[in-house]
């Protein structure tokens, strides 16, 4: 498997080169990417959990589905899954 590439620009000489990442750089890039995906998944899960908690509280108060939708509209973007 080949590593990703990066653009290296030497501002003194004006040279521009596209070089392959070292194995260590690629590992760091992969770890950062995975951390970003994990953070996004956690944010989505937290938002979904909060929404379900609010819906449950509204149902305990005796609100109808229409009333709950008026107070807590369905999000435009889907909460479930990674976007």
PDB file of N, CA and C in Angstrom:
ATOM      1  N   UNK A   1       0.848  -1.182   0.000  1.00  0.00           N
ATOM      2  CA  UNK A   1       0.000   0.000   0.000  1.00  0.00           C
ATOM      3  C   UNK A   1       0.892   1.243   0.000  1.00  0.00           C
ATOM      4  N   UNK A   2       0.603   2.163  -0.889  1.00  0.00           N
ATOM      5  CA  UNK A   2       1.398   3.377  -0.968  1.00  0.00           C
ATOM      6  C   UNK A   2       0.852   4.417   0.000  1.00  0.00           C
ATOM      7  N   UNK A   3       1.744   5.272   0.432  1.00  0.00           N
ATOM      8  CA  UNK A   3       1.362   6.344   1.341  1.00  0.00           C
ATOM      9  C   UNK A   3       0.779   7.510   0.558  1.00  0.00           C
ATOM     10  N   UNK A   4       0.060   8.368   1.267  1.00  0.00           N
ATOM     11  CA  UNK A   4      -0.474   9.574   0.647  1.00  0.00           C
ATOM     12  C   UNK A   4       0.685  10.510   0.321  1.00  0.00           C
ATOM     13  N   UNK A   5       0.380  11.591  -0.372  1.00  0.00           N
ATOM     14  CA  UNK A   5       1.418  12.542  -0.751  1.00  0.00           C
ATOM     15  C   UNK A   5       1.161  13.884  -0.093  1.00  0.00           C
ATOM     16  N   UNK A   6       2.215  14.712  -0.108  1.00  0.00           N
ATOM     17  CA  UNK A   6       2.090  16.071   0.404  1.00  0.00           C
ATOM     18  C   UNK A   6       2.826  17.006  -0.551  1.00  0.00           C
ATOM     19  N   UNK A   7       2.424  18.247  -0.534  1.00  0.00           N
ATOM     20  CA  UNK A   7       3.041  19.273  -1.371  1.00  0.00           C
ATOM     21  C   UNK A   7       4.076  20.003  -0.532  1.00  0.00           C
ATOM     22  N   UNK A   8       5.293  20.082  -1.020  1.00  0.00           N
ATOM     23  CA  UNK A   8       6.363  20.786  -0.330  1.00  0.00           C
ATOM     24  C   UNK A   8       6.757  21.984  -1.195  1.00  0.00           C
ATOM     25  N   UNK A   9       6.659  23.164  -0.598  1.00  0.00           N
ATOM     26  CA  UNK A   9       6.970  24.394  -1.338  1.00  0.00           C
ATOM     27  C   UNK A   9       8.138  25.091  -0.656  1.00  0.00           C
ATOM     28  N   UNK A  10       9.255  25.232  -1.360  1.00  0.00           N
ATOM     29  CA  UNK A  10      10.412  25.959  -0.864  1.00  0.00           C
ATOM     30  C   UNK A  10      10.249  27.409  -1.308  1.00  0.00           C
ATOM     31  N   UNK A  11       9.931  28.277  -0.356  1.00  0.00           N
ATOM     32  CA  UNK A  11       9.643  29.671  -0.718  1.00  0.00           C
ATOM     33  C   UNK A  11      10.896  30.435  -1.122  1.00  0.00           C
ATOM     34  N   UNK A  12      12.051  29.978  -0.685  1.00  0.00           N
ATOM     35  CA  UNK A  12      13.292  30.656  -1.061  1.00  0.00           C
ATOM     36  C   UNK A  12      13.625  30.440  -2.532  1.00  0.00           C
ATOM     37  N   UNK A  13      13.450  29.206  -3.000  1.00  0.00           N
ATOM     38  CA  UNK A  13      13.806  28.898  -4.384  1.00  0.00           C
ATOM     39  C   UNK A  13      12.593  28.865  -5.311  1.00  0.00           C
ATOM     40  N   UNK A  14      11.411  28.779  -4.721  1.00  0.00           N
ATOM     41  CA  UNK A  14      10.204  28.698  -5.528  1.00  0.00           C
ATOM     42  C   UNK A  14       9.901  27.291  -6.021  1.00  0.00           C
ATOM     43  N   UNK A  15      10.717  26.328  -5.605  1.00  0.00           N
ATOM     44  CA  UNK A  15      10.502  24.945  -6.024  1.00  0.00           C
ATOM     45  C   UNK A  15       9.284  24.353  -5.319  1.00  0.00           C
ATOM     46  N   UNK A  16       8.524  23.603  -6.074  1.00  0.00           N
ATOM     47  CA  UNK A  16       7.356  22.902  -5.542  1.00  0.00           C
ATOM     48  C   UNK A  16       7.525  21.430  -5.881  1.00  0.00           C
ATOM     49  N   UNK A  17       7.348  20.588  -4.867  1.00  0.00           N
ATOM     50  CA  UNK A  17       7.494  19.151  -5.087  1.00  0.00           C
ATOM     51  C   UNK A  17       6.362  18.423  -4.389  1.00  0.00           C
ATOM     52  N   UNK A  18       5.950  17.328  -4.989  1.00  0.00           N
ATOM     53  CA  UNK A  18       4.958  16.450  -4.377  1.00  0.00           C
ATOM     54  C   UNK A  18       5.710  15.194  -3.955  1.00  0.00           C
ATOM     55  N   UNK A  19       5.712  14.959  -2.630  1.00  0.00           N
ATOM     56  CA  UNK A  19       6.463  13.819  -2.103  1.00  0.00           C
ATOM     57  C   UNK A  19       5.534  12.901  -1.319  1.00  0.00           C
ATOM     58  N   UNK A  20       5.913  11.639  -1.260  1.00  0.00           N
ATOM     59  CA  UNK A  20       5.135  10.665  -0.511  1.00  0.00           C
ATOM     60  C   UNK A  20       5.429  10.822   0.976  1.00  0.00           C
ATOM     61  N   UNK A  21       4.392  10.666   1.803  1.00  0.00           N
ATOM     62  CA  UNK A  21       4.576  10.726   3.247  1.00  0.00           C
ATOM     63  C   UNK A  21       5.431   9.552   3.702  1.00  0.00           C
ATOM     64  N   UNK A  22       6.215   9.790   4.746  1.00  0.00           N
ATOM     65  CA  UNK A  22       6.965   8.689   5.337  1.00  0.00           C
ATOM     66  C   UNK A  22       5.971   7.788   6.064  1.00  0.00           C
ATOM     67  N   UNK A  23       6.420   6.596   6.421  1.00  0.00           N
ATOM     68  CA  UNK A  23       5.540   5.679   7.146  1.00  0.00           C
ATOM     69  C   UNK A  23       5.069   6.302   8.462  1.00  0.00           C
ATOM     70  N   UNK A  24       5.949   6.990   9.164  1.00  0.00           N
ATOM     71  CA  UNK A  24       5.585   7.635  10.434  1.00  0.00           C
ATOM     72  C   UNK A  24       4.551   8.743  10.198  1.00  0.00           C
ATOM     73  N   UNK A  25       4.766   9.561   9.171  1.00  0.00           N
ATOM     74  CA  UNK A  25       3.807  10.618   8.845  1.00  0.00           C
ATOM     75  C   UNK A  25       2.455  10.019   8.469  1.00  0.00           C
ATOM     76  N   UNK A  26       2.475   8.910   7.727  1.00  0.00           N
ATOM     77  CA  UNK A  26       1.230   8.268   7.319  1.00  0.00           C
ATOM     78  C   UNK A  26       0.498   7.710   8.536  1.00  0.00           C
ATOM     79  N   UNK A  27       1.238   7.122   9.485  1.00  0.00           N
ATOM     80  CA  UNK A  27       0.618   6.617  10.711  1.00  0.00           C
ATOM     81  C   UNK A  27      -0.035   7.751  11.491  1.00  0.00           C
ATOM     82  N   UNK A  28       0.660   8.877  11.583  1.00  0.00           N
ATOM     83  CA  UNK A  28       0.117  10.043  12.280  1.00  0.00           C
ATOM     84  C   UNK A  28      -1.136  10.535  11.583  1.00  0.00           C
ATOM     85  N   UNK A  29      -1.089  10.605  10.257  1.00  0.00           N
ATOM     86  CA  UNK A  29      -2.251  11.053   9.466  1.00  0.00           C
ATOM     87  C   UNK A  29      -3.439  10.121   9.674  1.00  0.00           C
ATOM     88  N   UNK A  30      -3.182   8.820   9.663  1.00  0.00           N
ATOM     89  CA  UNK A  30      -4.250   7.847   9.864  1.00  0.00           C
ATOM     90  C   UNK A  30      -4.851   7.967  11.265  1.00  0.00           C
ATOM     91  N   UNK A  31      -3.991   8.157  12.273  1.00  0.00           N
ATOM     92  CA  UNK A  31      -4.473   8.294  13.654  1.00  0.00           C
ATOM     93  C   UNK A  31      -5.320   9.558  13.807  1.00  0.00           C
ATOM     94  N   UNK A  32      -4.878  10.654  13.195  1.00  0.00           N
ATOM     95  CA  UNK A  32      -5.641  11.906  13.266  1.00  0.00           C
ATOM     96  C   UNK A  32      -6.990  11.757  12.566  1.00  0.00           C
ATOM     97  N   UNK A  33      -6.994  11.084  11.438  1.00  0.00           N
ATOM     98  CA  UNK A  33      -8.233  10.866  10.692  1.00  0.00           C
ATOM     99  C   UNK A  33      -9.208  10.017  11.504  1.00  0.00           C
ATOM    100  N   UNK A  34      -8.702   8.948  12.116  1.00  0.00           N
ATOM    101  CA  UNK A  34      -9.552   8.081  12.929  1.00  0.00           C
ATOM    102  C   UNK A  34     -10.090   8.824  14.145  1.00  0.00           C
ATOM    103  N   UNK A  35      -9.250   9.654  14.769  1.00  0.00           N
ATOM    104  CA  UNK A  35      -9.686  10.443  15.927  1.00  0.00           C
ATOM    105  C   UNK A  35     -10.797  11.409  15.524  1.00  0.00           C
ATOM    106  N   UNK A  36     -10.673  11.993  14.345  1.00  0.00           N
ATOM    107  CA  UNK A  36     -11.696  12.907  13.853  1.00  0.00           C
ATOM    108  C   UNK A  36     -13.015  12.177  13.611  1.00  0.00           C
ATOM    109  N   UNK A  37     -12.946  11.000  13.012  1.00  0.00           N
ATOM    110  CA  UNK A  37     -14.154  10.210  12.774  1.00  0.00           C
ATOM    111  C   UNK A  37     -14.800   9.786  14.094  1.00  0.00           C
ATOM    112  N   UNK A  38     -13.985   9.399  15.066  1.00  0.00           N
ATOM    113  CA  UNK A  38     -14.509   9.007  16.372  1.00  0.00           C
ATOM    114  C   UNK A  38     -15.193  10.181  17.068  1.00  0.00           C
ATOM    115  N   UNK A  39     -14.595  11.371  16.985  1.00  0.00           N
ATOM    116  CA  UNK A  39     -15.186  12.556  17.604  1.00  0.00           C
ATOM    117  C   UNK A  39     -16.521  12.894  16.940  1.00  0.00           C
ATOM    118  N   UNK A  40     -16.573  12.765  15.625  1.00  0.00           N
ATOM    119  CA  UNK A  40     -17.817  13.055  14.908  1.00  0.00           C
ATOM    120  C   UNK A  40     -18.903  12.042  15.277  1.00  0.00           C
ATOM    121  N   UNK A  41     -18.530  10.766  15.381  1.00  0.00           N
ATOM    122  CA  UNK A  41     -19.486   9.730  15.753  1.00  0.00           C
ATOM    123  C   UNK A  41     -20.013   9.972  17.163  1.00  0.00           C
ATOM    124  N   UNK A  42     -19.133  10.392  18.081  1.00  0.00           N
ATOM    125  CA  UNK A  42     -19.554  10.675  19.453  1.00  0.00           C
ATOM    126  C   UNK A  42     -20.503  11.869  19.485  1.00  0.00           C
ATOM    127  N   UNK A  43     -20.194  12.892  18.717  1.00  0.00           N
ATOM    128  CA  UNK A  43     -21.055  14.076  18.664  1.00  0.00           C
ATOM    129  C   UNK A  43     -22.447  13.707  18.151  1.00  0.00           C
ATOM    130  N   UNK A  44     -22.499  12.871  17.128  1.00  0.00           N
ATOM    131  CA  UNK A  44     -23.781  12.437  16.569  1.00  0.00           C
ATOM    132  C   UNK A  44     -24.548  11.606  17.585  1.00  0.00           C
ATOM    133  N   UNK A  45     -23.855  10.689  18.267  1.00  0.00           N
ATOM    134  CA  UNK A  45     -24.504   9.843  19.271  1.00  0.00           C
ATOM    135  C   UNK A  45     -25.030  10.675  20.435  1.00  0.00           C
ATOM    136  N   UNK A  46     -24.239  11.661  20.870  1.00  0.00           N
ATOM    137  CA  UNK A  46     -24.675  12.535  21.963  1.00  0.00           C
ATOM    138  C   UNK A  46     -25.912  13.341  21.572  1.00  0.00           C
ATOM    139  N   UNK A  47     -25.932  13.844  20.345  1.00  0.00           N
ATOM    140  CA  UNK A  47     -27.076  14.612  19.872  1.00  0.00           C
ATOM    141  C   UNK A  47     -28.322  13.735  19.791  1.00  0.00           C
ATOM    142  N   UNK A  48     -28.153  12.511  19.338  1.00  0.00           N
ATOM    143  CA  UNK A  48     -29.283  11.596  19.238  1.00  0.00           C
ATOM    144  C   UNK A  48     -29.804  11.240  20.633  1.00  0.00           C
ATOM    145  N   UNK A  49     -28.890  10.998  21.570  1.00  0.00           N
ATOM    146  CA  UNK A  49     -29.293  10.667  22.932  1.00  0.00           C
ATOM    147  C   UNK A  49     -30.047  11.830  23.586  1.00  0.00           C
ATOM    148  N   UNK A  50     -29.559  13.043  23.391  1.00  0.00           N
ATOM    149  CA  UNK A  50     -30.225  14.221  23.942  1.00  0.00           C
ATOM    150  C   UNK A  50     -31.621  14.376  23.344  1.00  0.00           C
ATOM    151  N   UNK A  51     -31.730  14.175  22.043  1.00  0.00           N
ATOM    152  CA  UNK A  51     -33.035  14.287  21.386  1.00  0.00           C
ATOM    153  C   UNK A  51     -34.016  13.263  21.946  1.00  0.00           C
ATOM    154  N   UNK A  52     -33.578  12.019  22.109  1.00  0.00           N
ATOM    155  CA  UNK A  52     -34.453  10.977  22.641  1.00  0.00           C
ATOM    156  C   UNK A  52     -34.847  11.268  24.090  1.00  0.00           C
ATOM    157  N   UNK A  53     -33.930  11.828  24.866  1.00  0.00           N
ATOM    158  CA  UNK A  53     -34.242  12.209  26.254  1.00  0.00           C
ATOM    159  C   UNK A  53     -35.320  13.289  26.284  1.00  0.00           C
ATOM    160  N   UNK A  54     -35.190  14.271  25.406  1.00  0.00           N
ATOM    161  CA  UNK A  54     -36.187  15.341  25.342  1.00  0.00           C
ATOM    162  C   UNK A  54     -37.546  14.796  24.910  1.00  0.00           C
ATOM    163  N   UNK A  55     -37.541  13.921  23.917  1.00  0.00           N
ATOM    164  CA  UNK A  55     -38.800  13.334  23.451  1.00  0.00           C
ATOM    165  C   UNK A  55     -39.461  12.559  24.577  1.00  0.00           C
ATOM    166  N   UNK A  56     -38.675  11.790  25.317  1.00  0.00           N
ATOM    167  CA  UNK A  56     -39.203  11.019  26.440  1.00  0.00           C
ATOM    168  C   UNK A  56     -39.819  11.935  27.496  1.00  0.00           C
ATOM    169  N   UNK A  57     -39.151  13.030  27.793  1.00  0.00           N
ATOM    170  CA  UNK A  57     -39.668  13.979  28.782  1.00  0.00           C
ATOM    171  C   UNK A  57     -40.979  14.600  28.299  1.00  0.00           C
ATOM    172  N   UNK A  58     -41.044  14.959  27.039  1.00  0.00           N
ATOM    173  CA  UNK A  58     -42.273  15.535  26.489  1.00  0.00           C
ATOM    174  C   UNK A  58     -43.420  14.522  26.520  1.00  0.00           C
ATOM    175  N   UNK A  59     -43.108  13.253  26.234  1.00  0.00           N
ATOM    176  CA  UNK A  59     -44.144  12.220  26.276  1.00  0.00           C
ATOM    177  C   UNK A  59     -44.664  12.024  27.699  1.00  0.00           C
ATOM    178  N   UNK A  60     -43.783  12.120  28.693  1.00  0.00           N
ATOM    179  CA  UNK A  60     -44.199  11.994  30.090  1.00  0.00           C
ATOM    180  C   UNK A  60     -45.108  13.145  30.506  1.00  0.00           C
ATOM    181  N   UNK A  61     -44.926  14.276  29.851  1.00  0.00           N
ATOM    182  CA  UNK A  61     -45.793  15.427  30.122  1.00  0.00           C
ATOM    183  C   UNK A  61     -47.134  15.306  29.398  1.00  0.00           C
ATOM    184  N   UNK A  62     -47.267  14.291  28.560  1.00  0.00           N
ATOM    185  CA  UNK A  62     -48.524  14.050  27.870  1.00  0.00           C
ATOM    186  C   UNK A  62     -48.663  14.756  26.541  1.00  0.00           C
ATOM    187  N   UNK A  63     -47.574  15.238  25.995  1.00  0.00           N
ATOM    188  CA  UNK A  63     -47.649  15.915  24.707  1.00  0.00           C
ATOM    189  C   UNK A  63     -47.820  14.887  23.586  1.00  0.00           C
ATOM    190  N   UNK A  64     -48.504  15.302  22.545  1.00  0.00           N
ATOM    191  CA  UNK A  64     -48.707  14.442  21.381  1.00  0.00           C
ATOM    192  C   UNK A  64     -47.481  14.532  20.471  1.00  0.00           C
ATOM    193  N   UNK A  65     -47.413  13.627  19.515  1.00  0.00           N
ATOM    194  CA  UNK A  65     -46.302  13.620  18.567  1.00  0.00           C
ATOM    195  C   UNK A  65     -46.244  14.935  17.779  1.00  0.00           C
ATOM    196  N   UNK A  66     -47.398  15.481  17.444  1.00  0.00           N
ATOM    197  CA  UNK A  66     -47.454  16.751  16.708  1.00  0.00           C
ATOM    198  C   UNK A  66     -46.906  17.890  17.557  1.00  0.00           C
ATOM    199  N   UNK A  67     -47.277  17.904  18.823  1.00  0.00           N
ATOM    200  CA  UNK A  67     -46.782  18.948  19.727  1.00  0.00           C
ATOM    201  C   UNK A  67     -45.277  18.820  19.947  1.00  0.00           C
ATOM    202  N   UNK A  68     -44.813  17.585  20.081  1.00  0.00           N
ATOM    203  CA  UNK A  68     -43.375  17.362  20.257  1.00  0.00           C
ATOM    204  C   UNK A  68     -42.621  17.817  19.014  1.00  0.00           C
ATOM    205  N   UNK A  69     -43.160  17.518  17.843  1.00  0.00           N
ATOM    206  CA  UNK A  69     -42.521  17.936  16.595  1.00  0.00           C
ATOM    207  C   UNK A  69     -42.456  19.459  16.498  1.00  0.00           C
ATOM    208  N   UNK A  70     -43.482  20.142  17.015  1.00  0.00           N
ATOM    209  CA  UNK A  70     -43.479  21.607  17.001  1.00  0.00           C
ATOM    210  C   UNK A  70     -42.392  22.165  17.924  1.00  0.00           C
ATOM    211  N   UNK A  71     -42.188  21.508  19.064  1.00  0.00           N
ATOM    212  CA  UNK A  71     -41.176  21.959  20.020  1.00  0.00           C
ATOM    213  C   UNK A  71     -39.768  21.511  19.640  1.00  0.00           C
ATOM    214  N   UNK A  72     -39.685  20.347  19.036  1.00  0.00           N
ATOM    215  CA  UNK A  72     -38.396  19.737  18.740  1.00  0.00           C
ATOM    216  C   UNK A  72     -38.421  19.191  17.318  1.00  0.00           C
ATOM    217  N   UNK A  73     -38.312  20.074  16.333  1.00  0.00           N
ATOM    218  CA  UNK A  73     -38.438  19.636  14.948  1.00  0.00           C
ATOM    219  C   UNK A  73     -37.408  18.574  14.579  1.00  0.00           C
ATOM    220  N   UNK A  74     -37.781  17.713  13.672  1.00  0.00           N
ATOM    221  CA  UNK A  74     -36.865  16.698  13.168  1.00  0.00           C
ATOM    222  C   UNK A  74     -35.717  17.411  12.462  1.00  0.00           C
ATOM    223  N   UNK A  75     -34.481  17.027  12.778  1.00  0.00           N
ATOM    224  CA  UNK A  75     -33.344  17.696  12.135  1.00  0.00           C
ATOM    225  C   UNK A  75     -33.338  17.479  10.630  1.00  0.00           C
ATOM    226  N   UNK A  76     -32.837  18.480   9.922  1.00  0.00           N
ATOM    227  CA  UNK A  76     -32.751  18.404   8.465  1.00  0.00           C
ATOM    228  C   UNK A  76     -31.742  17.327   8.076  1.00  0.00           C
ATOM    229  N   UNK A  77     -30.571  17.321   8.749  1.00  0.00           N
ATOM    230  CA  UNK A  77     -29.568  16.313   8.495  1.00  0.00           C
ATOM    231  C   UNK A  77     -29.880  15.100   9.368  1.00  0.00           C
ATOM    232  N   UNK A  78     -29.700  13.930   8.831  1.00  0.00           N
ATOM    233  CA  UNK A  78     -29.951  12.746   9.655  1.00  0.00           C
ATOM    234  C   UNK A  78     -28.948  12.666  10.799  1.00  0.00           C
ATOM    235  N   UNK A  79     -29.440  12.313  11.967  1.00  0.00           N
ATOM    236  CA  UNK A  79     -28.572  12.177  13.137  1.00  0.00           C
ATOM    237  C   UNK A  79     -27.905  10.815  13.126  1.00  0.00           C
ATOM    238  N   UNK A  80     -28.600   9.821  12.606  1.00  0.00           N
ATOM    239  CA  UNK A  80     -28.103   8.453  12.643  1.00  0.00           C
ATOM    240  C   UNK A  80     -27.026   8.264  11.574  1.00  0.00           C
ATOM    241  N   UNK A  81     -25.932   7.650  11.941  1.00  0.00           N
ATOM    242  CA  UNK A  81     -24.868   7.331  10.999  1.00  0.00           C
ATOM    243  C   UNK A  81     -23.925   8.487  10.770  1.00  0.00           C
ATOM    244  N   UNK A  82     -22.805   8.196  10.172  1.00  0.00           N
ATOM    245  CA  UNK A  82     -21.841   9.231   9.854  1.00  0.00           C
ATOM    246  C   UNK A  82     -22.203   9.884   8.541  1.00  0.00           C
ATOM    247  N   UNK A  83     -22.039  11.150   8.501  1.00  0.00           N
ATOM    248  CA  UNK A  83     -22.402  11.921   7.312  1.00  0.00           C
ATOM    249  C   UNK A  83     -21.170  12.104   6.452  1.00  0.00           C
TER     250      UNK A  83
END
